[in-house]
Every structure is written in structure tokens, then in C-alpha cells.
Amino acid sequence: MLIVGCPVRNDLDSLKEMMSSLVNSTKAFDKIIIVDGNSEERNQKYYKQVKEYLGKKFEVITNPGTTPLEAYNKFFEIAKNEKSDLFLTQTDV
């Protein structure tokens, strides 16, 4: 299993570009997980749209104030618990 992990905070334009690129260029991932550090409401609306499209292959964990480093630690914990491979990315890469 391959999890793609991405920390996000109020970077909707880059998030949309990253998600489009990822979803349209590969089918190799089993799940995309976003750890959101309390983004604005417009991000939440976008997450709902992506969830409708990807279903169980998309998950958002909202944790106000989470730094990227804390998000990475959360991804490591999830991957370890699920015995999954992990690919980390950012919205501005």
C-alpha cells in the first residue's frame, strides 16, 4: 500500500495544482492523506469535492495549528500503523 501525505494550510491554488497533477499522472497511490493546519473554509469545500471524486482514496485530518513537521510525524505514525509505504509531498513542490 502507498500513502501520499501532504501538509496543507491555506494554500488552495497550489493544493489544486498538486492534486490535479498527482491524480492525473499516476494511479500508483492507494490513499492521499492531507493534514490540514486549520485552513480557511474554501479549502474545506475543495476537500469535499475531492472526496466525492476519490472516495476512500482521500482523507483529511484537520488539526488546527499543526506545523509541517508535526504533520510529517503524523504521516509516519499512520504509515507505520498501516504497514504502508509513504511518499511525502508539499503543495508548492
N, C-alpha and C. Protein backbone atom coordinates (compact mmCIF):
# COMPACT_ATOMS: atom_id res chain seq x y z
N MET A 1 0.84 -1.18 0.00
CA MET A 1 0.00 0.00 0.00
C MET A 1 0.89 1.24 0.00
N LEU A 2 0.49 2.26 -0.75
CA LEU A 2 1.24 3.51 -0.82
C LEU A 2 0.35 4.67 -0.41
N ILE A 3 0.79 5.40 0.61
CA ILE A 3 0.10 6.60 1.08
C ILE A 3 0.90 7.80 0.60
N VAL A 4 0.19 8.79 0.06
CA VAL A 4 0.80 10.08 -0.26
C VAL A 4 0.35 11.04 0.83
N GLY A 5 1.30 11.65 1.53
CA GLY A 5 0.99 12.57 2.61
C GLY A 5 1.38 13.99 2.25
N CYS A 6 0.48 14.94 2.58
CA CYS A 6 0.74 16.34 2.25
C CYS A 6 0.21 17.25 3.35
N PRO A 7 1.08 18.06 3.97
CA PRO A 7 0.59 19.06 4.92
C PRO A 7 0.05 20.26 4.16
N VAL A 8 -1.03 20.85 4.66
CA VAL A 8 -1.66 21.98 3.97
C VAL A 8 -2.10 23.02 5.00
N ARG A 9 -1.97 24.29 4.60
CA ARG A 9 -2.55 25.37 5.39
C ARG A 9 -2.76 26.57 4.48
N ASN A 10 -4.01 26.79 4.09
CA ASN A 10 -4.44 27.96 3.32
C ASN A 10 -3.72 28.18 2.00
N ASP A 11 -3.36 27.14 1.32
CA ASP A 11 -2.67 27.26 0.03
C ASP A 11 -3.51 26.57 -1.04
N LEU A 12 -4.73 27.04 -1.23
CA LEU A 12 -5.69 26.34 -2.09
C LEU A 12 -5.24 26.25 -3.54
N ASP A 13 -4.71 27.32 -4.10
CA ASP A 13 -4.31 27.28 -5.51
C ASP A 13 -3.23 26.23 -5.77
N SER A 14 -2.21 26.21 -4.92
CA SER A 14 -1.15 25.21 -5.07
C SER A 14 -1.66 23.81 -4.77
N LEU A 15 -2.58 23.69 -3.81
CA LEU A 15 -3.18 22.39 -3.48
C LEU A 15 -3.91 21.83 -4.69
N LYS A 16 -4.70 22.65 -5.34
CA LYS A 16 -5.45 22.19 -6.52
C LYS A 16 -4.49 21.74 -7.62
N GLU A 17 -3.43 22.50 -7.84
CA GLU A 17 -2.45 22.14 -8.87
C GLU A 17 -1.76 20.83 -8.53
N MET A 18 -1.37 20.66 -7.27
CA MET A 18 -0.71 19.43 -6.83
C MET A 18 -1.64 18.23 -6.97
N MET A 19 -2.88 18.37 -6.52
CA MET A 19 -3.84 17.27 -6.58
C MET A 19 -4.13 16.88 -8.03
N SER A 20 -4.32 17.86 -8.89
CA SER A 20 -4.58 17.58 -10.29
C SER A 20 -3.41 16.83 -10.92
N SER A 21 -2.22 17.31 -10.67
CA SER A 21 -1.03 16.66 -11.22
C SER A 21 -0.90 15.23 -10.70
N LEU A 22 -1.08 15.04 -9.43
CA LEU A 22 -0.94 13.72 -8.83
C LEU A 22 -1.99 12.75 -9.36
N VAL A 23 -3.25 13.15 -9.33
CA VAL A 23 -4.34 12.26 -9.73
C VAL A 23 -4.30 11.96 -11.23
N ASN A 24 -3.86 12.93 -12.04
CA ASN A 24 -3.85 12.72 -13.49
C ASN A 24 -2.58 12.07 -14.02
N SER A 25 -1.56 11.97 -13.18
CA SER A 25 -0.29 11.41 -13.68
C SER A 25 0.00 10.00 -13.18
N THR A 26 -0.69 9.55 -12.15
CA THR A 26 -0.40 8.22 -11.62
C THR A 26 -1.62 7.60 -10.95
N LYS A 27 -1.63 6.31 -10.95
CA LYS A 27 -2.65 5.56 -10.21
C LYS A 27 -1.96 4.71 -9.14
N ALA A 28 -0.66 4.99 -8.91
CA ALA A 28 0.15 4.16 -8.02
C ALA A 28 -0.19 4.31 -6.54
N PHE A 29 -0.87 5.38 -6.16
CA PHE A 29 -1.18 5.59 -4.75
C PHE A 29 -2.45 4.85 -4.35
N ASP A 30 -2.50 4.43 -3.10
CA ASP A 30 -3.71 3.83 -2.56
C ASP A 30 -4.54 4.83 -1.78
N LYS A 31 -3.86 5.85 -1.23
CA LYS A 31 -4.57 6.85 -0.45
C LYS A 31 -3.77 8.14 -0.43
N ILE A 32 -4.48 9.26 -0.51
CA ILE A 32 -3.89 10.58 -0.31
C ILE A 32 -4.41 11.08 1.03
N ILE A 33 -3.49 11.46 1.91
CA ILE A 33 -3.89 12.00 3.21
C ILE A 33 -3.36 13.42 3.31
N ILE A 34 -4.26 14.33 3.67
CA ILE A 34 -3.92 15.72 3.91
C ILE A 34 -4.00 15.95 5.41
N VAL A 35 -2.97 16.53 6.00
CA VAL A 35 -3.07 17.03 7.37
C VAL A 35 -3.18 18.53 7.25
N ASP A 36 -4.34 19.04 7.60
CA ASP A 36 -4.67 20.44 7.42
C ASP A 36 -4.51 21.18 8.74
N GLY A 37 -3.69 22.22 8.72
CA GLY A 37 -3.44 23.01 9.92
C GLY A 37 -4.43 24.14 10.10
N ASN A 38 -5.71 23.85 9.87
CA ASN A 38 -6.81 24.80 10.08
C ASN A 38 -6.93 25.83 8.96
N SER A 39 -7.09 25.34 7.74
CA SER A 39 -7.25 26.21 6.58
C SER A 39 -8.61 26.89 6.58
N GLU A 40 -8.73 27.85 5.69
CA GLU A 40 -9.98 28.58 5.53
C GLU A 40 -11.08 27.66 4.98
N GLU A 41 -12.30 28.14 5.06
CA GLU A 41 -13.45 27.35 4.65
C GLU A 41 -13.40 26.92 3.18
N ARG A 42 -12.80 27.73 2.33
CA ARG A 42 -12.76 27.36 0.91
C ARG A 42 -11.94 26.09 0.69
N ASN A 43 -10.94 25.84 1.52
CA ASN A 43 -10.22 24.57 1.43
C ASN A 43 -11.14 23.42 1.79
N GLN A 44 -11.96 23.60 2.81
CA GLN A 44 -12.87 22.55 3.25
C GLN A 44 -13.85 22.19 2.13
N LYS A 45 -14.32 23.18 1.41
CA LYS A 45 -15.22 22.92 0.28
C LYS A 45 -14.51 22.12 -0.80
N TYR A 46 -13.26 22.46 -1.05
CA TYR A 46 -12.49 21.72 -2.05
C TYR A 46 -12.28 20.28 -1.61
N TYR A 47 -11.99 20.06 -0.33
CA TYR A 47 -11.81 18.70 0.18
C TYR A 47 -13.05 17.86 -0.06
N LYS A 48 -14.21 18.44 0.11
CA LYS A 48 -15.47 17.70 -0.13
C LYS A 48 -15.58 17.28 -1.59
N GLN A 49 -15.18 18.16 -2.51
CA GLN A 49 -15.22 17.83 -3.93
C GLN A 49 -14.26 16.68 -4.25
N VAL A 50 -13.06 16.74 -3.69
CA VAL A 50 -12.07 15.69 -3.94
C VAL A 50 -12.55 14.37 -3.35
N LYS A 51 -13.14 14.42 -2.17
CA LYS A 51 -13.64 13.21 -1.52
C LYS A 51 -14.73 12.56 -2.37
N GLU A 52 -15.59 13.36 -2.97
CA GLU A 52 -16.63 12.82 -3.85
C GLU A 52 -16.00 12.11 -5.06
N TYR A 53 -14.89 12.63 -5.56
CA TYR A 53 -14.22 12.06 -6.73
C TYR A 53 -13.39 10.83 -6.38
N LEU A 54 -12.61 10.90 -5.29
CA LEU A 54 -11.69 9.81 -4.94
C LEU A 54 -12.24 8.83 -3.91
N GLY A 55 -13.28 9.21 -3.20
CA GLY A 55 -13.87 8.32 -2.20
C GLY A 55 -12.89 7.94 -1.10
N LYS A 56 -12.75 6.63 -0.88
CA LYS A 56 -11.91 6.11 0.20
C LYS A 56 -10.41 6.36 -0.03
N LYS A 57 -10.05 6.81 -1.21
CA LYS A 57 -8.64 7.07 -1.51
C LYS A 57 -8.20 8.46 -1.05
N PHE A 58 -9.08 9.19 -0.36
CA PHE A 58 -8.77 10.54 0.09
C PHE A 58 -9.23 10.75 1.52
N GLU A 59 -8.33 11.29 2.33
CA GLU A 59 -8.65 11.54 3.73
C GLU A 59 -8.04 12.87 4.16
N VAL A 60 -8.79 13.61 4.97
CA VAL A 60 -8.29 14.87 5.52
C VAL A 60 -8.32 14.77 7.03
N ILE A 61 -7.21 15.12 7.64
CA ILE A 61 -7.13 15.20 9.09
C ILE A 61 -6.94 16.68 9.42
N THR A 62 -7.93 17.27 10.07
CA THR A 62 -7.84 18.68 10.43
C THR A 62 -7.33 18.79 11.85
N ASN A 63 -6.22 19.52 11.98
CA ASN A 63 -5.60 19.67 13.28
C ASN A 63 -5.09 21.11 13.38
N PRO A 64 -5.89 22.02 13.94
CA PRO A 64 -5.52 23.44 13.99
C PRO A 64 -4.12 23.66 14.58
N GLY A 65 -3.36 24.51 13.89
CA GLY A 65 -2.05 24.89 14.37
C GLY A 65 -0.94 23.90 14.06
N THR A 66 -1.26 22.84 13.34
CA THR A 66 -0.24 21.84 13.02
C THR A 66 0.81 22.41 12.07
N THR A 67 2.06 22.24 12.44
CA THR A 67 3.16 22.67 11.58
C THR A 67 3.45 21.55 10.57
N PRO A 68 4.17 21.85 9.49
CA PRO A 68 4.52 20.78 8.56
C PRO A 68 5.29 19.64 9.23
N LEU A 69 6.20 19.95 10.13
CA LEU A 69 6.95 18.91 10.82
C LEU A 69 6.02 18.01 11.64
N GLU A 70 5.07 18.59 12.34
CA GLU A 70 4.10 17.79 13.10
C GLU A 70 3.25 16.93 12.16
N ALA A 71 2.91 17.50 11.00
CA ALA A 71 2.14 16.73 10.01
C ALA A 71 2.95 15.54 9.52
N TYR A 72 4.24 15.75 9.24
CA TYR A 72 5.08 14.64 8.80
C TYR A 72 5.14 13.54 9.85
N ASN A 73 5.26 13.92 11.10
CA ASN A 73 5.27 12.92 12.17
C ASN A 73 3.96 12.14 12.20
N LYS A 74 2.85 12.81 11.93
CA LYS A 74 1.55 12.13 11.86
C LYS A 74 1.53 11.14 10.70
N PHE A 75 2.07 11.54 9.55
CA PHE A 75 2.13 10.63 8.40
C PHE A 75 2.97 9.40 8.71
N PHE A 76 4.12 9.60 9.38
CA PHE A 76 4.96 8.46 9.75
C PHE A 76 4.20 7.50 10.66
N GLU A 77 3.46 8.06 11.61
CA GLU A 77 2.67 7.24 12.53
C GLU A 77 1.61 6.43 11.77
N ILE A 78 0.91 7.07 10.86
CA ILE A 78 -0.14 6.40 10.08
C ILE A 78 0.47 5.28 9.24
N ALA A 79 1.55 5.59 8.53
CA ALA A 79 2.19 4.59 7.66
C ALA A 79 2.69 3.40 8.48
N LYS A 80 3.26 3.68 9.62
CA LYS A 80 3.75 2.60 10.49
C LYS A 80 2.58 1.72 10.95
N ASN A 81 1.50 2.34 11.41
CA ASN A 81 0.34 1.59 11.89
C ASN A 81 -0.33 0.78 10.79
N GLU A 82 -0.34 1.30 9.57
CA GLU A 82 -0.98 0.62 8.45
C GLU A 82 0.00 -0.25 7.66
N LYS A 83 1.26 -0.26 8.10
CA LYS A 83 2.32 -1.01 7.42
C LYS A 83 2.36 -0.66 5.93
N SER A 84 2.40 0.65 5.67
CA SER A 84 2.36 1.17 4.31
C SER A 84 3.63 1.90 3.94
N ASP A 85 3.87 1.98 2.65
CA ASP A 85 4.92 2.87 2.16
C ASP A 85 4.36 4.29 2.19
N LEU A 86 5.24 5.26 2.29
CA LEU A 86 4.83 6.65 2.43
C LEU A 86 5.62 7.52 1.49
N PHE A 87 4.91 8.36 0.75
CA PHE A 87 5.53 9.37 -0.11
C PHE A 87 5.07 10.72 0.42
N LEU A 88 6.01 11.56 0.83
CA LEU A 88 5.67 12.89 1.34
C LEU A 88 5.84 13.93 0.25
N THR A 89 4.90 14.87 0.21
CA THR A 89 4.99 15.95 -0.75
C THR A 89 4.47 17.22 -0.09
N GLN A 90 4.54 18.32 -0.80
CA GLN A 90 4.02 19.60 -0.35
C GLN A 90 3.26 20.23 -1.50
N THR A 91 2.42 21.19 -1.19
CA THR A 91 1.62 21.82 -2.23
C THR A 91 2.44 22.69 -3.16
N ASP A 92 3.60 23.15 -2.70
CA ASP A 92 4.39 24.08 -3.52
C ASP A 92 5.59 23.41 -4.17
N VAL A 93 5.55 22.10 -4.32
CA VAL A 93 6.66 21.38 -4.95
C VAL A 93 6.39 21.23 -6.43
